[in-house]
N, C-alpha and C. Protein backbone atom coordinates (compact mmCIF):
# COMPACT_ATOMS: atom_id res chain seq x y z
N MET A 1 80.15 95.04 128.07
CA MET A 1 80.27 96.27 128.13
C MET A 1 81.43 97.25 128.35
N ASP A 2 81.90 96.14 129.73
CA ASP A 2 82.60 96.59 130.68
C ASP A 2 84.32 97.26 129.59
N ASN A 3 84.16 96.57 128.85
CA ASN A 3 85.50 96.56 127.44
C ASN A 3 85.34 97.63 126.32
N LEU A 4 84.09 98.80 126.95
CA LEU A 4 83.96 99.52 125.61
C LEU A 4 84.70 100.71 125.77
N ILE A 5 85.52 101.35 126.81
CA ILE A 5 86.20 102.31 126.57
C ILE A 5 87.56 102.07 125.88
N PRO A 6 87.88 100.77 126.33
CA PRO A 6 89.05 100.95 126.30
C PRO A 6 89.44 100.36 124.70
N GLU A 7 88.23 99.45 124.02
CA GLU A 7 88.30 99.42 122.52
C GLU A 7 88.15 100.81 121.30
N LEU A 8 87.28 101.66 122.51
CA LEU A 8 87.16 103.16 121.61
C LEU A 8 88.46 103.86 121.86
N MET A 9 89.28 103.75 123.04
CA MET A 9 90.39 104.69 122.85
C MET A 9 91.61 103.40 122.03
N LEU A 10 91.27 102.11 121.86
CA LEU A 10 92.23 101.90 120.21
C LEU A 10 92.36 102.14 119.62
N SER A 11 90.60 102.13 119.06
CA SER A 11 90.19 102.17 117.95
C SER A 11 90.81 103.57 117.35
N THR A 12 89.78 104.50 118.30
CA THR A 12 90.23 106.16 118.31
C THR A 12 92.23 106.51 117.78
N ALA A 13 93.24 105.36 118.44
CA ALA A 13 94.43 105.96 118.27
C ALA A 13 94.82 105.49 117.15
N VAL A 14 94.16 104.53 116.53
CA VAL A 14 94.81 103.64 115.34
C VAL A 14 94.14 104.04 113.94
N VAL A 15 92.89 104.63 114.21
CA VAL A 15 92.40 105.63 113.19
C VAL A 15 93.06 107.06 112.85
N SER A 16 93.56 107.54 113.91
CA SER A 16 94.37 108.85 114.40
C SER A 16 95.45 108.52 113.23
N ALA A 17 96.29 107.16 113.53
CA ALA A 17 97.18 107.22 113.06
C ALA A 17 97.01 106.96 111.52
N THR A 18 96.22 105.68 110.76
CA THR A 18 96.11 105.57 109.88
C THR A 18 95.47 107.10 108.58
N VAL A 19 94.79 107.89 109.55
CA VAL A 19 94.54 109.45 109.05
C VAL A 19 96.12 110.22 108.92
N VAL A 20 96.90 110.11 109.68
CA VAL A 20 97.95 111.12 109.40
C VAL A 20 98.68 109.90 109.02
N ILE A 21 99.41 109.05 108.48
CA ILE A 21 99.72 107.92 107.56
C ILE A 21 99.36 108.38 106.00
N HIS A 22 97.81 108.43 106.04
CA HIS A 22 97.14 108.40 104.60
C HIS A 22 97.27 109.80 104.54
N LEU A 23 97.42 110.97 105.11
CA LEU A 23 97.44 112.25 104.80
C LEU A 23 98.97 112.45 104.25
N ILE A 24 100.12 112.27 105.13
CA ILE A 24 101.44 111.64 104.43
C ILE A 24 101.65 111.17 103.27
N GLY A 25 101.15 110.55 102.98
CA GLY A 25 101.20 109.19 102.16
C GLY A 25 100.27 110.09 100.62
N LEU A 26 99.45 110.35 100.61
CA LEU A 26 98.85 111.31 99.81
C LEU A 26 99.80 112.40 99.11
N ASP A 27 99.96 113.07 100.13
CA ASP A 27 100.66 114.30 99.73
C ASP A 27 102.29 113.97 98.99
N ILE A 28 102.78 112.88 99.38
CA ILE A 28 103.79 112.67 99.24
C ILE A 28 103.73 111.78 97.46
N LEU A 29 102.42 111.28 97.56
CA LEU A 29 101.73 111.02 95.54
C LEU A 29 101.95 112.09 94.95
N GLN A 30 101.39 112.93 95.33
CA GLN A 30 101.05 114.42 94.56
C GLN A 30 102.63 115.16 94.35
N ILE A 31 103.30 115.14 95.25
CA ILE A 31 104.62 115.74 95.21
C ILE A 31 105.69 114.56 94.30
N LEU A 32 105.58 113.68 94.24
CA LEU A 32 105.94 112.84 92.92
C LEU A 32 105.55 112.47 91.69
N THR A 33 104.02 112.96 91.64
CA THR A 33 103.35 113.14 90.23
C THR A 33 104.11 114.68 89.89
N GLY A 34 104.13 115.63 90.68
CA GLY A 34 104.39 116.88 90.21
C GLY A 34 105.69 116.99 89.65
N TRP A 35 106.51 116.22 90.64
CA TRP A 35 108.32 115.94 90.35
C TRP A 35 107.76 115.20 88.87
N HIS A 36 107.49 114.18 88.78
CA HIS A 36 107.11 113.00 87.37
C HIS A 36 106.96 114.15 85.95
N LEU A 37 105.92 115.04 86.50
CA LEU A 37 105.51 116.07 85.01
C LEU A 37 106.54 116.69 85.15
N GLU A 38 107.03 118.29 86.02
CA GLU A 38 107.56 118.65 85.22
C GLU A 38 109.08 118.14 85.13
N ARG A 39 109.65 116.97 85.57
CA ARG A 39 110.85 116.45 84.87
C ARG A 39 110.69 115.07 83.74
N PHE A 40 109.91 114.83 83.66
CA PHE A 40 109.83 113.68 82.54
C PHE A 40 108.39 113.80 81.36
N THR A 41 108.37 114.44 80.17
CA THR A 41 107.80 114.89 79.23
C THR A 41 107.91 113.63 78.48
N THR A 42 106.91 112.95 77.93
CA THR A 42 107.04 112.00 76.65
C THR A 42 106.25 112.25 75.58
N TRP A 43 106.50 112.00 74.86
CA TRP A 43 106.17 112.43 73.21
C TRP A 43 104.55 111.76 72.48
N ILE A 44 104.48 110.87 73.46
CA ILE A 44 103.50 109.84 73.41
C ILE A 44 102.80 109.50 74.28
N HIS A 45 102.56 111.14 75.27
CA HIS A 45 101.58 110.62 76.23
C HIS A 45 101.04 109.69 76.69
N LEU A 46 102.91 109.23 77.32
CA LEU A 46 103.21 107.89 78.11
C LEU A 46 102.42 108.09 79.74
N ASP A 47 102.25 109.42 80.07
CA ASP A 47 101.75 109.94 81.35
C ASP A 47 100.46 109.74 81.59
N ARG A 48 99.58 109.83 80.47
CA ARG A 48 98.62 109.28 80.80
C ARG A 48 97.75 107.72 81.59
N MET A 49 99.10 106.74 81.39
CA MET A 49 99.38 105.54 81.25
C MET A 49 100.39 105.55 82.84
N ILE A 50 101.64 105.78 82.82
CA ILE A 50 102.75 106.36 84.14
C ILE A 50 101.98 106.82 84.76
N VAL A 51 101.48 108.51 85.11
CA VAL A 51 100.80 108.63 86.33
C VAL A 51 99.26 107.97 87.00
N PRO A 52 98.59 107.69 86.50
CA PRO A 52 97.75 107.00 87.37
C PRO A 52 97.74 105.70 87.87
N LEU A 53 98.60 105.10 86.83
CA LEU A 53 99.16 103.49 87.53
C LEU A 53 100.57 103.75 88.71
N GLY A 54 101.39 104.80 88.75
CA GLY A 54 101.80 104.95 89.47
C GLY A 54 100.86 105.46 91.04
N ILE A 55 100.06 106.16 91.02
CA ILE A 55 99.42 106.68 91.97
C ILE A 55 98.63 105.59 92.71
N VAL A 56 97.73 104.16 91.52
CA VAL A 56 96.97 103.53 92.08
C VAL A 56 98.09 102.85 93.12
N LEU A 57 99.16 102.34 92.03
CA LEU A 57 100.20 101.31 93.11
C LEU A 57 100.51 102.21 94.23
N GLY A 58 100.97 103.19 94.31
CA GLY A 58 101.05 104.17 95.94
C GLY A 58 100.21 104.19 96.58
N LEU A 59 98.48 104.10 95.85
CA LEU A 59 98.11 104.29 97.32
C LEU A 59 97.61 102.42 97.43
N PHE A 60 98.01 101.92 97.05
CA PHE A 60 97.78 100.05 97.76
C PHE A 60 98.79 99.93 98.68
N VAL A 61 100.20 100.94 98.42
CA VAL A 61 101.03 100.71 99.35
C VAL A 61 100.61 101.56 100.60
N ILE A 62 99.98 102.53 100.32
CA ILE A 62 99.64 103.35 101.60
C ILE A 62 98.45 102.64 102.23
N HIS A 63 97.94 101.99 101.40
CA HIS A 63 96.06 101.22 102.13
C HIS A 63 96.98 99.61 102.78
N GLY A 64 97.84 99.50 102.27
CA GLY A 64 98.90 98.53 102.75
C GLY A 64 99.42 98.04 104.04
N PHE A 65 99.85 99.74 104.54
CA PHE A 65 100.57 99.72 105.54
C PHE A 65 99.27 100.31 106.80
N GLU A 66 98.72 100.97 106.22
CA GLU A 66 96.94 101.20 107.21
C GLU A 66 96.54 99.90 107.75
N ILE A 67 96.50 98.83 106.57
CA ILE A 67 95.98 97.28 107.37
C ILE A 67 96.89 96.72 108.04
N TRP A 68 98.49 96.64 107.57
CA TRP A 68 99.15 96.04 108.60
C TRP A 68 99.05 96.79 109.86
N ILE A 69 99.05 98.08 109.94
CA ILE A 69 98.65 98.79 111.75
C ILE A 69 97.83 98.11 112.48
N TYR A 70 96.49 97.72 112.06
CA TYR A 70 95.76 96.88 112.55
C TYR A 70 96.15 95.65 112.71
N ALA A 71 96.88 94.92 111.56
CA ALA A 71 97.09 93.45 111.77
C ALA A 71 98.01 93.24 112.71
N LEU A 72 98.90 94.39 112.69
CA LEU A 72 99.67 94.20 113.93
C LEU A 72 99.45 94.25 115.12
N THR A 73 98.05 95.28 115.20
CA THR A 73 97.56 95.76 116.73
C THR A 73 97.04 94.50 117.40
N TYR A 74 95.98 93.96 116.40
CA TYR A 74 95.40 92.58 116.97
C TYR A 74 96.49 91.43 117.32
N TRP A 75 97.10 91.18 116.18
CA TRP A 75 98.78 89.97 117.02
C TRP A 75 99.25 90.28 117.93
N LYS A 76 99.69 91.72 117.84
CA LYS A 76 100.30 91.96 119.48
C LYS A 76 99.76 91.68 120.73
N MET A 77 98.32 92.31 120.06
CA MET A 77 97.12 92.61 121.77
C MET A 77 96.45 90.82 122.30
N GLY A 78 97.32 90.06 121.24
CA GLY A 78 96.80 88.41 121.34
C GLY A 78 95.39 88.25 120.67
N LEU A 79 94.72 89.43 119.79
CA LEU A 79 93.37 88.97 119.80
C LEU A 79 92.94 88.12 118.41
N LEU A 80 93.93 87.51 117.74
CA LEU A 80 94.14 86.52 116.74
C LEU A 80 95.58 85.95 117.34
N PRO A 81 95.27 84.50 116.91
CA PRO A 81 96.06 83.84 117.33
C PRO A 81 98.06 83.82 116.28
N THR A 82 97.46 84.27 115.03
CA THR A 82 98.55 84.25 114.36
C THR A 82 98.63 85.65 113.40
N LEU A 83 99.92 85.64 112.90
CA LEU A 83 99.63 87.13 111.97
C LEU A 83 99.13 86.78 110.73
N GLU A 84 99.31 85.78 110.24
CA GLU A 84 98.23 85.25 108.99
C GLU A 84 96.72 85.83 109.11
N GLN A 85 96.67 85.41 110.68
CA GLN A 85 94.92 85.35 110.44
C GLN A 85 94.31 87.14 111.40
N SER A 86 95.50 87.42 111.57
CA SER A 86 95.65 88.97 112.37
C SER A 86 95.35 89.80 110.66
N LEU A 87 96.60 89.25 109.81
CA LEU A 87 96.33 90.17 108.45
C LEU A 87 95.38 89.94 107.57
N TYR A 88 94.61 88.70 107.66
CA TYR A 88 93.57 88.20 106.73
C TYR A 88 92.51 88.65 107.34
N PHE A 89 91.98 89.26 108.47
CA PHE A 89 90.98 89.90 109.43
C PHE A 89 90.95 91.47 108.95
N SER A 90 92.11 91.92 109.21
CA SER A 90 92.00 93.18 108.75
C SER A 90 92.02 93.64 107.54
N THR A 91 92.53 93.42 106.32
CA THR A 91 92.38 93.24 105.31
C THR A 91 90.58 93.37 104.84
N SER A 92 90.14 91.63 105.53
CA SER A 92 88.42 91.78 105.35
C SER A 92 87.84 92.94 105.78
N ALA A 93 88.08 93.36 107.27
CA ALA A 93 87.77 94.52 107.59
C ALA A 93 87.71 95.76 106.62
N TYR A 94 89.04 96.02 106.36
CA TYR A 94 89.06 97.32 106.17
C TYR A 94 88.69 97.57 104.84
N SER A 95 88.48 96.31 103.74
CA SER A 95 88.25 96.49 102.82
C SER A 95 86.62 96.36 102.90
N THR A 96 86.38 96.17 104.09
CA THR A 96 84.41 96.13 104.27
C THR A 96 83.85 94.98 103.70
N LEU A 97 84.90 93.46 102.75
CA LEU A 97 84.37 92.60 102.63
C LEU A 97 83.65 91.80 103.67
N GLY A 98 83.83 91.73 105.23
CA GLY A 98 83.55 91.07 106.04
C GLY A 98 83.69 90.03 106.14
N GLU A 99 83.09 88.70 105.39
CA GLU A 99 83.81 87.18 105.55
C GLU A 99 84.83 87.12 105.75
N THR A 100 85.23 86.41 106.92
CA THR A 100 87.13 86.29 107.07
C THR A 100 87.10 84.87 107.59
N GLY A 101 86.45 84.23 107.97
CA GLY A 101 86.98 83.15 109.05
C GLY A 101 87.27 83.49 110.29
N ALA A 102 88.18 84.01 110.56
CA ALA A 102 89.20 84.75 111.88
C ALA A 102 87.83 85.34 112.59
N ILE A 103 87.97 85.59 113.92
CA ILE A 103 87.08 86.34 114.33
C ILE A 103 87.87 87.00 115.66
N LEU A 104 87.38 88.53 115.74
CA LEU A 104 87.86 88.98 116.95
C LEU A 104 87.09 88.42 118.19
N PRO A 105 87.66 88.29 119.18
CA PRO A 105 87.04 88.09 120.77
C PRO A 105 85.85 89.55 121.11
N ILE A 106 85.00 88.82 121.20
CA ILE A 106 83.76 89.18 121.21
C ILE A 106 84.05 90.66 122.33
N PRO A 107 84.81 90.63 123.37
CA PRO A 107 85.16 92.07 124.20
C PRO A 107 85.88 93.16 123.25
N TRP A 108 86.54 92.79 122.15
CA TRP A 108 87.12 93.54 121.29
C TRP A 108 86.33 93.75 119.76
N ARG A 109 85.40 93.04 119.18
CA ARG A 109 84.83 92.98 118.19
C ARG A 109 84.27 94.39 117.76
N ILE A 110 84.29 95.49 118.72
CA ILE A 110 84.07 96.92 118.03
C ILE A 110 85.18 97.58 117.24
N VAL A 111 86.28 96.93 117.76
CA VAL A 111 87.27 97.95 116.84
C VAL A 111 87.65 97.15 115.29
N GLY A 112 87.40 96.30 115.27
CA GLY A 112 86.96 95.34 113.81
C GLY A 112 86.24 96.29 112.83
N VAL A 113 84.72 96.57 113.70
CA VAL A 113 83.53 96.96 112.66
C VAL A 113 84.33 98.60 112.51
N LEU A 114 85.04 99.23 113.33
CA LEU A 114 85.44 100.33 113.01
C LEU A 114 86.49 100.74 112.60
N GLU A 115 86.90 99.10 112.19
CA GLU A 115 88.10 99.18 111.10
C GLU A 115 87.36 99.57 109.85
N GLY A 116 86.23 98.71 109.68
CA GLY A 116 85.90 98.67 108.46
C GLY A 116 85.12 99.79 108.50
N ILE A 117 84.91 101.13 108.76
CA ILE A 117 84.25 102.39 108.42
C ILE A 117 85.62 103.19 108.23
N ASN A 118 86.98 102.82 108.87
CA ASN A 118 88.05 103.43 108.45
C ASN A 118 88.16 103.21 107.42
N GLY A 119 88.19 101.96 106.67
CA GLY A 119 88.60 102.01 105.63
C GLY A 119 87.79 102.30 104.41
N MET A 120 86.62 102.45 104.51
CA MET A 120 85.81 102.70 103.59
C MET A 120 85.83 104.35 103.42
N LEU A 121 85.85 105.12 104.34
CA LEU A 121 86.66 106.47 104.28
C LEU A 121 87.55 106.77 103.63
N LEU A 122 89.04 105.87 104.35
CA LEU A 122 89.86 106.22 103.22
C LEU A 122 90.07 105.45 102.29
N ILE A 123 89.50 104.67 102.04
CA ILE A 123 89.46 104.32 100.12
C ILE A 123 88.41 105.32 99.49
N GLY A 124 87.48 105.98 100.02
CA GLY A 124 86.88 106.62 99.50
C GLY A 124 87.90 107.87 99.10
N TRP A 125 88.54 108.51 100.10
CA TRP A 125 89.58 109.67 99.76
C TRP A 125 90.52 109.35 98.99
N SER A 126 91.18 108.18 99.12
CA SER A 126 91.63 108.06 97.97
C SER A 126 91.22 107.56 96.44
N THR A 127 89.81 107.59 96.30
CA THR A 127 89.04 107.49 95.00
C THR A 127 89.22 108.73 94.70
N ALA A 128 88.76 109.57 95.73
CA ALA A 128 88.74 111.52 95.00
C ALA A 128 89.97 112.02 94.97
N PHE A 129 91.16 111.83 95.56
CA PHE A 129 92.18 111.93 95.02
C PHE A 129 92.85 111.09 94.11
N LEU A 130 91.98 110.27 93.03
CA LEU A 130 92.85 109.67 92.36
C LEU A 130 92.21 110.16 90.78
N PHE A 131 90.55 110.74 91.21
CA PHE A 131 90.46 111.21 90.44
C PHE A 131 90.15 112.70 90.22
N GLN A 132 90.64 113.27 91.07
CA GLN A 132 91.67 115.09 91.08
C GLN A 132 92.68 115.05 90.41
N VAL A 133 93.47 113.96 90.35
CA VAL A 133 94.67 114.19 89.64
C VAL A 133 94.58 113.88 88.36
N LEU A 134 93.77 112.92 88.43
CA LEU A 134 93.02 112.52 86.69
C LEU A 134 92.46 113.53 85.84
N SER A 135 91.56 114.33 86.44
CA SER A 135 91.05 115.73 86.12
C SER A 135 91.70 116.67 85.73
N HIS A 136 93.00 116.65 86.57
CA HIS A 136 94.40 117.88 86.39
C HIS A 136 94.78 117.56 85.32
N LEU A 137 95.64 116.22 84.69
CA LEU A 137 95.92 116.10 83.92
C LEU A 137 95.19 115.88 82.45
N GLY A 138 93.77 116.63 82.81
CA GLY A 138 92.87 117.27 81.92
C GLY A 138 92.47 115.77 80.81
N TRP A 139 91.91 114.84 81.41
CA TRP A 139 91.00 113.92 80.98
C TRP A 139 89.36 114.17 81.14
N GLU A 140 89.31 115.60 81.55
CA GLU A 140 87.75 115.89 81.66
C GLU A 140 87.65 116.31 80.15
N GLY A 141 88.11 117.09 79.07
CA GLY A 141 87.86 117.87 78.55
C GLY A 141 86.59 117.42 77.91
N GLU A 142 86.30 118.28 76.53
CA GLU A 142 84.67 117.93 76.60
C GLU A 142 85.30 116.89 75.34
N GLU A 143 85.98 117.44 74.65
CA GLU A 143 86.12 116.62 73.22
C GLU A 143 86.81 115.34 73.42
N ALA A 144 87.52 114.85 74.97
CA ALA A 144 87.60 113.61 75.60
C ALA A 144 86.39 112.84 75.22
N HIS A 145 85.83 113.05 75.87
CA HIS A 145 84.31 112.44 76.21
C HIS A 145 83.30 112.24 75.27
N PRO A 146 83.07 111.23 74.72
CA PRO A 146 82.07 110.80 73.74
C PRO A 146 80.42 111.22 74.26
N LEU A 147 80.28 111.59 75.80
CA LEU A 147 79.10 111.88 75.83
C LEU A 147 79.04 113.63 75.94
N PRO A 148 77.49 114.17 75.35
CA PRO A 148 77.97 115.64 75.74
C PRO A 148 77.99 116.16 77.34
N LYS A 149 77.77 117.34 77.48
CA LYS A 149 77.64 117.80 79.01
C LYS A 149 76.06 117.50 79.38
N GLY A 150 75.59 116.90 80.29
CA GLY A 150 74.51 116.89 81.00
C GLY A 150 73.78 115.97 80.78
N ALA A 151 74.22 115.12 79.73
CA ALA A 151 73.89 113.85 78.71
C ALA A 151 73.13 112.75 79.53
N ILE A 152 73.37 113.21 80.50
CA ILE A 152 72.97 111.44 82.25
C ILE A 152 72.33 112.48 82.89
N ALA A 153 72.60 113.35 83.29
CA ALA A 153 71.71 114.08 84.56
C ALA A 153 71.08 115.51 84.04
N ARG A 154 70.21 115.65 84.51
CA ARG A 154 69.21 116.43 84.25
C ARG A 154 69.50 117.95 84.48
N PRO A 155 69.53 118.97 84.10
CA PRO A 155 69.84 120.40 84.87
C PRO A 155 68.93 120.33 85.86
N SER A 156 69.16 121.40 86.98
CA SER A 156 68.50 121.34 87.93
C SER A 156 67.80 122.68 87.76
N PRO A 157 66.24 122.52 88.27
CA PRO A 157 65.50 123.09 88.19
C PRO A 157 65.90 124.55 87.95
N ARG A 158 66.92 125.06 89.05
CA ARG A 158 67.24 126.56 89.07
C ARG A 158 68.25 126.98 88.24
N SER A 159 69.38 125.94 87.58
CA SER A 159 69.78 126.38 86.00
C SER A 159 68.72 126.47 84.85
N ARG A 160 67.53 126.33 85.19
CA ARG A 160 66.51 126.28 83.85
C ARG A 160 65.23 127.45 83.75
N GLY A 161 65.48 128.15 85.15
CA GLY A 161 64.86 129.14 85.32
C GLY A 161 63.64 129.05 85.46
N SER A 162 62.55 129.26 84.87
CA SER A 162 61.22 128.94 84.60
C SER A 162 60.84 127.78 84.12
N GLY A 163 61.69 127.12 83.53
CA GLY A 163 61.53 125.96 82.98
C GLY A 163 60.83 126.10 81.57
N SER A 164 60.60 126.96 80.83
CA SER A 164 59.70 126.95 79.71
C SER A 164 61.13 127.35 78.54
N ALA A 165 62.23 127.42 79.00
CA ALA A 165 63.04 127.25 77.59
C ALA A 165 64.18 126.32 77.94
N SER A 166 64.76 125.73 76.53
CA SER A 166 65.68 125.16 76.47
C SER A 166 67.25 124.97 77.90
N PRO A 167 67.59 124.15 78.41
CA PRO A 167 69.02 124.47 78.93
C PRO A 167 69.72 125.10 78.13
N GLN A 168 70.60 126.21 78.20
CA GLN A 168 71.86 126.82 77.33
C GLN A 168 72.34 125.94 76.25
N GLY A 169 72.49 125.77 75.09
CA GLY A 169 73.33 124.78 74.55
C GLY A 169 72.85 123.61 74.23
N THR A 170 71.31 123.27 73.97
CA THR A 170 70.77 122.59 73.86
C THR A 170 69.77 122.72 73.06
N LYS A 171 69.30 121.76 72.37
CA LYS A 171 68.05 122.13 71.30
C LYS A 171 66.97 121.34 72.19
N ASP A 172 66.11 121.62 71.49
CA ASP A 172 64.65 121.31 72.26
C ASP A 172 64.17 119.87 72.31
N SER A 173 64.94 119.18 71.38
CA SER A 173 64.26 117.68 71.48
C SER A 173 65.52 117.08 72.49
N ASP A 174 66.46 117.47 72.57
CA ASP A 174 67.75 117.05 73.50
C ASP A 174 67.30 117.22 74.75
N THR A 175 66.76 118.21 75.17
CA THR A 175 65.75 118.82 76.18
C THR A 175 64.86 117.45 76.70
N GLU A 176 64.14 116.92 75.70
CA GLU A 176 62.90 116.35 76.18
C GLU A 176 63.43 114.98 76.27
N LEU A 177 64.54 114.64 75.79
CA LEU A 177 65.24 113.23 75.80
C LEU A 177 65.90 113.30 77.49
N MET A 178 66.19 114.71 78.07
CA MET A 178 66.38 114.44 79.61
C MET A 178 65.69 114.76 80.00
N GLN A 179 64.40 114.73 80.13
CA GLN A 179 63.41 114.96 81.09
C GLN A 179 62.45 114.12 80.88
């Protein structure tokens, strides 16, 4: 318990650094994607493969930097004996895999747990970014998706009004299937 304040201070510093790296990285990816789409237009819709591939690879690079920050911190502080163990532990914690074989010393184990929470949030943020870019590329058009809108999720009671009529744009038999 004596080491809690230094653990939290270290975690706060590294979390702050990774959030700043993530902000800058996503901004760069967004700029590069916009630059690519303005300058290079392909006649066979190759952008539907190039842009997502570029973003996913870019996200791997961003997450890699963030993982390396934790690994170098563990290694330089002498919390793990080798750089390889530090990198393996950091990757496992960041990705919330959990089973590593390498274990931080007890006075510093909260840092590893907070790295897992940090990684989970940053991976979720990256996923949201990827879906946002894909939706801006026009991948969510109704004609492109095999299921009609509302085929999986029921409309909320607020959108149905009194509940006596079918949702707008559906047949009575469709509404029965959704309920």
